[in-house]
């Protein structure tokens, strides 16, 4: 089975430990993506809504680099720092996926990064 490493030119270079995404078997597997500004590398937003929107903008850029898009998302894992952020994340999520959203599961961030409230991993059709 072939696999292609995907990197978005609109985001900072990925760490040497992981890729932005991997395209294989007709799918795009996007690594956990945080709400960092692609130009400055700094965390964006103080609220969970702002951070959710930025993480999804970053994922959209990664999917575009793979020839895909958010409307082809089939699954997402949303990792939150605080359970109390679930409602605010859902409010923003519905703006991006108003109908037929991808399958989704949630988890709690295992490590505390100051200011980081969310990370999202996604699988989309290529």
N, C-alpha and C. Protein backbone atom coordinates (compact mmCIF):
# COMPACT_ATOMS: atom_id res chain seq x y z
N UNK A 1 0.84 -1.17 0.00
CA UNK A 1 0.00 0.00 0.00
C UNK A 1 0.89 1.23 0.00
N UNK A 2 0.60 2.14 -0.91
CA UNK A 2 1.41 3.35 -0.97
C UNK A 2 0.89 4.38 0.03
N UNK A 3 1.78 5.28 0.41
CA UNK A 3 1.39 6.37 1.29
C UNK A 3 2.19 7.60 0.91
N UNK A 4 1.55 8.74 1.03
CA UNK A 4 2.16 10.01 0.66
C UNK A 4 2.12 10.93 1.86
N UNK A 5 3.25 11.53 2.18
CA UNK A 5 3.31 12.51 3.27
C UNK A 5 2.76 13.82 2.74
N UNK A 6 1.89 14.45 3.52
CA UNK A 6 1.25 15.70 3.13
C UNK A 6 1.74 16.81 4.06
N UNK A 7 2.15 17.92 3.46
CA UNK A 7 2.55 19.10 4.22
C UNK A 7 1.92 20.32 3.58
N UNK A 8 1.29 21.14 4.38
CA UNK A 8 0.70 22.37 3.87
C UNK A 8 1.73 23.48 3.88
N UNK A 9 1.87 24.16 2.75
CA UNK A 9 2.79 25.30 2.70
C UNK A 9 2.24 26.48 3.48
N UNK A 10 0.97 26.41 3.89
CA UNK A 10 0.33 27.49 4.64
C UNK A 10 0.46 27.32 6.15
N UNK A 11 1.20 26.31 6.58
CA UNK A 11 1.42 26.07 8.00
C UNK A 11 2.91 25.91 8.26
N UNK A 12 3.35 26.16 9.50
CA UNK A 12 4.76 25.92 9.81
C UNK A 12 5.12 24.46 9.53
N UNK A 13 6.36 24.23 9.25
CA UNK A 13 6.84 22.87 8.98
C UNK A 13 6.50 21.96 10.16
N UNK A 14 6.07 20.75 9.86
CA UNK A 14 5.73 19.79 10.91
C UNK A 14 7.00 19.36 11.65
N UNK A 15 6.80 18.89 12.84
CA UNK A 15 7.88 18.38 13.67
C UNK A 15 8.54 17.19 12.98
N UNK A 16 9.80 16.89 13.29
CA UNK A 16 10.41 15.70 12.70
C UNK A 16 9.80 14.40 13.24
N UNK A 17 8.93 14.52 14.23
CA UNK A 17 8.33 13.34 14.85
C UNK A 17 7.00 12.93 14.24
N UNK A 18 6.40 13.80 13.42
CA UNK A 18 5.13 13.48 12.78
C UNK A 18 4.94 14.35 11.54
N UNK A 19 4.01 13.96 10.68
CA UNK A 19 3.67 14.71 9.47
C UNK A 19 2.36 15.46 9.70
N UNK A 20 2.12 16.51 8.92
CA UNK A 20 0.81 17.17 8.99
C UNK A 20 -0.28 16.14 8.71
N UNK A 21 -0.04 15.31 7.70
CA UNK A 21 -1.01 14.28 7.34
C UNK A 21 -0.32 13.22 6.49
N UNK A 22 -0.99 12.09 6.37
CA UNK A 22 -0.55 11.01 5.49
C UNK A 22 -1.75 10.61 4.64
N UNK A 23 -1.52 10.51 3.34
CA UNK A 23 -2.56 10.10 2.40
C UNK A 23 -2.30 8.65 2.01
N UNK A 24 -3.31 7.80 2.24
CA UNK A 24 -3.15 6.38 1.93
C UNK A 24 -4.53 5.73 1.82
N UNK A 25 -4.64 4.74 0.99
CA UNK A 25 -5.87 3.95 0.85
C UNK A 25 -7.10 4.81 0.60
N UNK A 26 -6.94 5.91 -0.14
CA UNK A 26 -8.07 6.76 -0.46
C UNK A 26 -8.51 7.68 0.67
N UNK A 27 -7.70 7.76 1.72
CA UNK A 27 -8.03 8.61 2.87
C UNK A 27 -6.87 9.54 3.20
N UNK A 28 -7.18 10.61 3.91
CA UNK A 28 -6.18 11.54 4.43
C UNK A 28 -6.28 11.50 5.94
N UNK A 29 -5.18 11.14 6.59
CA UNK A 29 -5.12 11.05 8.05
C UNK A 29 -4.37 12.27 8.57
N UNK A 30 -5.11 13.21 9.17
CA UNK A 30 -4.53 14.46 9.66
C UNK A 30 -4.11 14.29 11.12
N UNK A 31 -2.87 14.64 11.41
CA UNK A 31 -2.37 14.58 12.78
C UNK A 31 -3.14 15.55 13.67
N UNK A 32 -3.06 15.34 14.96
CA UNK A 32 -3.65 16.28 15.91
C UNK A 32 -3.17 17.68 15.59
N UNK A 33 -4.11 18.60 15.41
CA UNK A 33 -3.80 19.95 14.96
C UNK A 33 -4.31 20.95 15.97
N UNK A 34 -3.43 21.81 16.41
CA UNK A 34 -3.76 22.81 17.43
C UNK A 34 -4.03 24.16 16.78
N UNK A 35 -4.57 25.10 17.54
CA UNK A 35 -4.94 26.40 17.00
C UNK A 35 -3.80 27.41 16.95
N UNK A 36 -2.76 27.10 16.19
CA UNK A 36 -1.63 28.00 16.05
C UNK A 36 -1.77 28.84 14.79
N UNK A 37 -1.39 30.10 14.87
CA UNK A 37 -1.39 30.99 13.72
C UNK A 37 -0.32 30.51 12.75
N UNK A 38 -0.66 30.25 11.49
CA UNK A 38 0.32 29.73 10.54
C UNK A 38 1.47 30.71 10.25
N UNK A 39 1.24 32.00 10.42
CA UNK A 39 2.28 32.99 10.13
C UNK A 39 3.22 33.22 11.31
N UNK A 40 2.68 33.24 12.50
CA UNK A 40 3.49 33.57 13.68
C UNK A 40 3.89 32.35 14.50
N UNK A 41 3.14 31.25 14.36
CA UNK A 41 3.39 30.07 15.16
C UNK A 41 2.87 30.21 16.58
N UNK A 42 2.17 31.31 16.86
CA UNK A 42 1.64 31.54 18.21
C UNK A 42 0.22 31.01 18.32
N UNK A 43 -0.13 30.62 19.54
CA UNK A 43 -1.47 30.15 19.84
C UNK A 43 -2.49 31.25 19.56
N UNK A 44 -3.61 30.90 18.94
CA UNK A 44 -4.65 31.86 18.59
C UNK A 44 -5.86 31.66 19.50
N UNK A 45 -6.39 32.75 20.01
CA UNK A 45 -7.67 32.72 20.71
C UNK A 45 -7.58 32.38 22.18
N UNK A 46 -8.42 33.08 22.93
CA UNK A 46 -8.53 32.82 24.37
C UNK A 46 -9.72 31.93 24.67
N UNK A 47 -10.72 31.93 23.77
CA UNK A 47 -11.92 31.13 24.02
C UNK A 47 -11.85 29.81 23.26
N UNK A 48 -12.64 28.85 23.69
CA UNK A 48 -12.68 27.57 23.00
C UNK A 48 -13.25 27.72 21.59
N UNK A 49 -14.18 28.65 21.39
CA UNK A 49 -14.72 28.88 20.04
C UNK A 49 -13.65 29.38 19.09
N UNK A 50 -12.85 30.36 19.54
CA UNK A 50 -11.78 30.90 18.70
C UNK A 50 -10.73 29.83 18.40
N UNK A 51 -10.39 29.04 19.40
CA UNK A 51 -9.38 28.00 19.19
C UNK A 51 -9.91 26.88 18.30
N UNK A 52 -11.17 26.52 18.45
CA UNK A 52 -11.76 25.49 17.58
C UNK A 52 -11.73 25.96 16.12
N UNK A 53 -12.13 27.21 15.90
CA UNK A 53 -12.14 27.76 14.53
C UNK A 53 -10.74 27.75 13.92
N UNK A 54 -9.73 28.14 14.69
CA UNK A 54 -8.36 28.18 14.15
C UNK A 54 -7.85 26.77 13.86
N UNK A 55 -8.12 25.83 14.75
CA UNK A 55 -7.70 24.45 14.50
C UNK A 55 -8.34 23.92 13.22
N UNK A 56 -9.62 24.22 13.01
CA UNK A 56 -10.30 23.77 11.80
C UNK A 56 -9.78 24.49 10.55
N UNK A 57 -9.42 25.76 10.66
CA UNK A 57 -8.79 26.45 9.52
C UNK A 57 -7.48 25.76 9.15
N UNK A 58 -6.69 25.39 10.18
CA UNK A 58 -5.42 24.71 9.92
C UNK A 58 -5.65 23.35 9.28
N UNK A 59 -6.63 22.61 9.77
CA UNK A 59 -6.95 21.30 9.19
C UNK A 59 -7.40 21.48 7.74
N UNK A 60 -8.21 22.48 7.49
CA UNK A 60 -8.67 22.74 6.13
C UNK A 60 -7.49 22.98 5.19
N UNK A 61 -6.47 23.72 5.65
CA UNK A 61 -5.28 23.97 4.83
C UNK A 61 -4.52 22.66 4.57
N UNK A 62 -4.44 21.80 5.57
CA UNK A 62 -3.77 20.51 5.40
C UNK A 62 -4.54 19.65 4.41
N UNK A 63 -5.86 19.58 4.57
CA UNK A 63 -6.67 18.79 3.65
C UNK A 63 -6.57 19.32 2.22
N UNK A 64 -6.54 20.63 2.05
CA UNK A 64 -6.40 21.22 0.72
C UNK A 64 -5.08 20.79 0.08
N UNK A 65 -4.02 20.74 0.89
CA UNK A 65 -2.72 20.31 0.37
C UNK A 65 -2.76 18.85 -0.09
N UNK A 66 -3.69 18.09 0.48
CA UNK A 66 -3.84 16.68 0.10
C UNK A 66 -4.87 16.49 -1.00
N UNK A 67 -5.48 17.60 -1.47
CA UNK A 67 -6.51 17.49 -2.50
C UNK A 67 -7.87 17.13 -1.93
N UNK A 68 -8.08 17.40 -0.65
CA UNK A 68 -9.34 17.08 0.01
C UNK A 68 -9.90 18.35 0.64
N UNK A 69 -10.91 18.19 1.49
CA UNK A 69 -11.52 19.34 2.16
C UNK A 69 -12.34 18.86 3.35
N UNK A 70 -12.77 19.82 4.17
CA UNK A 70 -13.56 19.47 5.35
C UNK A 70 -14.87 18.79 5.00
N UNK A 71 -15.44 19.08 3.84
CA UNK A 71 -16.70 18.42 3.49
C UNK A 71 -16.52 16.93 3.17
N UNK A 72 -15.29 16.48 3.12
CA UNK A 72 -15.01 15.06 2.91
C UNK A 72 -14.58 14.37 4.21
N UNK A 73 -14.67 15.09 5.34
CA UNK A 73 -14.28 14.53 6.63
C UNK A 73 -15.19 13.37 7.00
N UNK A 74 -14.59 12.27 7.43
CA UNK A 74 -15.38 11.11 7.84
C UNK A 74 -15.29 10.84 9.34
N UNK A 75 -14.20 11.30 9.96
CA UNK A 75 -14.01 11.04 11.39
C UNK A 75 -13.12 12.11 12.00
N UNK A 76 -13.39 12.44 13.25
CA UNK A 76 -12.57 13.41 13.97
C UNK A 76 -12.41 12.98 15.42
N UNK A 77 -11.26 13.28 15.97
CA UNK A 77 -11.01 13.11 17.40
C UNK A 77 -10.72 14.50 17.95
N UNK A 78 -11.57 14.94 18.86
CA UNK A 78 -11.43 16.26 19.48
C UNK A 78 -10.89 16.06 20.89
N UNK A 79 -9.76 16.69 21.16
CA UNK A 79 -9.12 16.54 22.46
C UNK A 79 -9.17 17.89 23.15
N UNK A 80 -9.84 17.93 24.30
CA UNK A 80 -10.03 19.17 25.05
C UNK A 80 -9.23 19.17 26.34
N UNK A 81 -8.79 20.36 26.74
CA UNK A 81 -8.10 20.49 28.02
C UNK A 81 -9.10 20.43 29.17
N UNK A 82 -10.29 20.97 28.95
CA UNK A 82 -11.31 21.04 30.00
C UNK A 82 -12.65 20.53 29.50
N UNK A 83 -13.30 19.68 30.27
CA UNK A 83 -14.63 19.19 29.90
C UNK A 83 -15.63 20.33 29.75
N UNK A 84 -15.46 21.39 30.52
CA UNK A 84 -16.37 22.53 30.47
C UNK A 84 -16.37 23.22 29.11
N UNK A 85 -15.37 22.95 28.27
CA UNK A 85 -15.28 23.57 26.95
C UNK A 85 -16.11 22.84 25.88
N UNK A 86 -16.70 21.71 26.25
CA UNK A 86 -17.41 20.89 25.28
C UNK A 86 -18.54 21.66 24.59
N UNK A 87 -19.35 22.38 25.34
CA UNK A 87 -20.48 23.11 24.75
C UNK A 87 -19.99 24.20 23.79
N UNK A 88 -18.97 24.95 24.19
CA UNK A 88 -18.44 26.00 23.33
C UNK A 88 -17.81 25.45 22.07
N UNK A 89 -17.13 24.32 22.19
CA UNK A 89 -16.54 23.67 21.02
C UNK A 89 -17.66 23.22 20.08
N UNK A 90 -18.71 22.62 20.63
CA UNK A 90 -19.84 22.17 19.80
C UNK A 90 -20.50 23.33 19.06
N UNK A 91 -20.62 24.47 19.73
CA UNK A 91 -21.23 25.64 19.10
C UNK A 91 -20.44 26.06 17.85
N UNK A 92 -19.12 26.10 17.96
CA UNK A 92 -18.28 26.45 16.80
C UNK A 92 -18.28 25.32 15.78
N UNK A 93 -18.24 24.08 16.23
CA UNK A 93 -18.22 22.91 15.35
C UNK A 93 -19.41 22.94 14.39
N UNK A 94 -20.59 23.31 14.92
CA UNK A 94 -21.79 23.34 14.09
C UNK A 94 -21.72 24.39 12.99
N UNK A 95 -20.91 25.42 13.15
CA UNK A 95 -20.73 26.41 12.09
C UNK A 95 -19.97 25.80 10.91
N UNK A 96 -19.08 24.88 11.20
CA UNK A 96 -18.26 24.24 10.17
C UNK A 96 -18.93 23.00 9.58
N UNK A 97 -19.74 22.33 10.39
CA UNK A 97 -20.42 21.10 9.98
C UNK A 97 -21.91 21.21 10.32
N UNK A 98 -22.67 22.08 9.62
CA UNK A 98 -24.07 22.29 9.98
C UNK A 98 -24.98 21.10 9.67
N UNK A 99 -24.59 20.27 8.70
CA UNK A 99 -25.34 19.05 8.37
C UNK A 99 -24.35 17.92 8.10
N UNK A 100 -24.77 16.73 8.35
CA UNK A 100 -23.98 15.53 8.07
C UNK A 100 -22.54 15.64 8.59
N UNK A 101 -22.34 15.90 9.88
CA UNK A 101 -20.99 16.03 10.42
C UNK A 101 -20.26 14.68 10.41
N UNK A 102 -18.93 14.73 10.49
CA UNK A 102 -18.18 13.47 10.56
C UNK A 102 -18.43 12.77 11.89
N UNK A 103 -18.15 11.48 11.91
CA UNK A 103 -18.16 10.75 13.18
C UNK A 103 -17.14 11.42 14.09
N UNK A 104 -17.39 11.40 15.39
CA UNK A 104 -16.49 12.14 16.28
C UNK A 104 -16.39 11.45 17.62
N UNK A 105 -15.19 11.50 18.17
CA UNK A 105 -14.99 11.05 19.55
C UNK A 105 -14.21 12.12 20.27
N UNK A 106 -14.24 12.07 21.57
CA UNK A 106 -13.56 13.09 22.36
C UNK A 106 -12.59 12.46 23.35
N UNK A 107 -11.68 13.27 23.82
CA UNK A 107 -10.70 12.83 24.82
C UNK A 107 -10.22 14.07 25.57
N UNK A 108 -9.47 13.84 26.61
CA UNK A 108 -8.90 14.93 27.39
C UNK A 108 -7.42 15.04 27.07
N UNK A 109 -6.94 16.29 26.90
CA UNK A 109 -5.52 16.50 26.62
C UNK A 109 -4.69 15.89 27.75
N UNK A 110 -3.73 15.04 27.42
CA UNK A 110 -2.93 14.39 28.45
C UNK A 110 -1.86 15.31 29.06
N UNK A 111 -1.49 16.35 28.34
CA UNK A 111 -0.42 17.24 28.80
C UNK A 111 -0.94 18.67 28.78
N UNK A 112 -0.58 19.43 29.78
CA UNK A 112 -1.01 20.83 29.84
C UNK A 112 0.00 21.71 29.12
N UNK A 113 -0.47 22.43 28.13
CA UNK A 113 0.31 23.45 27.43
C UNK A 113 -0.38 24.76 27.76
N UNK A 114 0.31 25.72 28.32
CA UNK A 114 -0.34 26.97 28.71
C UNK A 114 -1.16 27.59 27.58
N UNK A 115 -2.44 27.81 27.85
CA UNK A 115 -3.34 28.44 26.89
C UNK A 115 -3.98 27.52 25.88
N UNK A 116 -3.42 26.33 25.67
CA UNK A 116 -3.96 25.40 24.68
C UNK A 116 -5.20 24.71 25.24
N UNK A 117 -6.32 24.85 24.52
CA UNK A 117 -7.59 24.29 24.99
C UNK A 117 -8.08 23.14 24.12
N UNK A 118 -7.52 22.98 22.88
CA UNK A 118 -8.07 21.99 21.95
C UNK A 118 -7.01 21.52 20.95
N UNK A 119 -7.14 20.28 20.54
CA UNK A 119 -6.39 19.71 19.42
C UNK A 119 -7.38 18.78 18.70
N UNK A 120 -7.31 18.79 17.37
CA UNK A 120 -8.24 17.99 16.58
C UNK A 120 -7.46 17.15 15.58
N UNK A 121 -7.73 15.84 15.56
CA UNK A 121 -7.20 14.96 14.52
C UNK A 121 -8.38 14.59 13.63
N UNK A 122 -8.12 14.35 12.34
CA UNK A 122 -9.24 14.10 11.43
C UNK A 122 -8.84 13.10 10.35
N UNK A 123 -9.84 12.38 9.87
CA UNK A 123 -9.69 11.51 8.71
C UNK A 123 -10.69 11.98 7.68
N UNK A 124 -10.24 12.15 6.44
CA UNK A 124 -11.14 12.59 5.36
C UNK A 124 -10.89 11.74 4.13
N UNK A 125 -11.89 11.67 3.28
CA UNK A 125 -11.72 10.98 2.00
C UNK A 125 -10.76 11.81 1.14
N UNK A 126 -9.89 11.12 0.43
CA UNK A 126 -8.94 11.82 -0.46
C UNK A 126 -9.67 12.18 -1.70
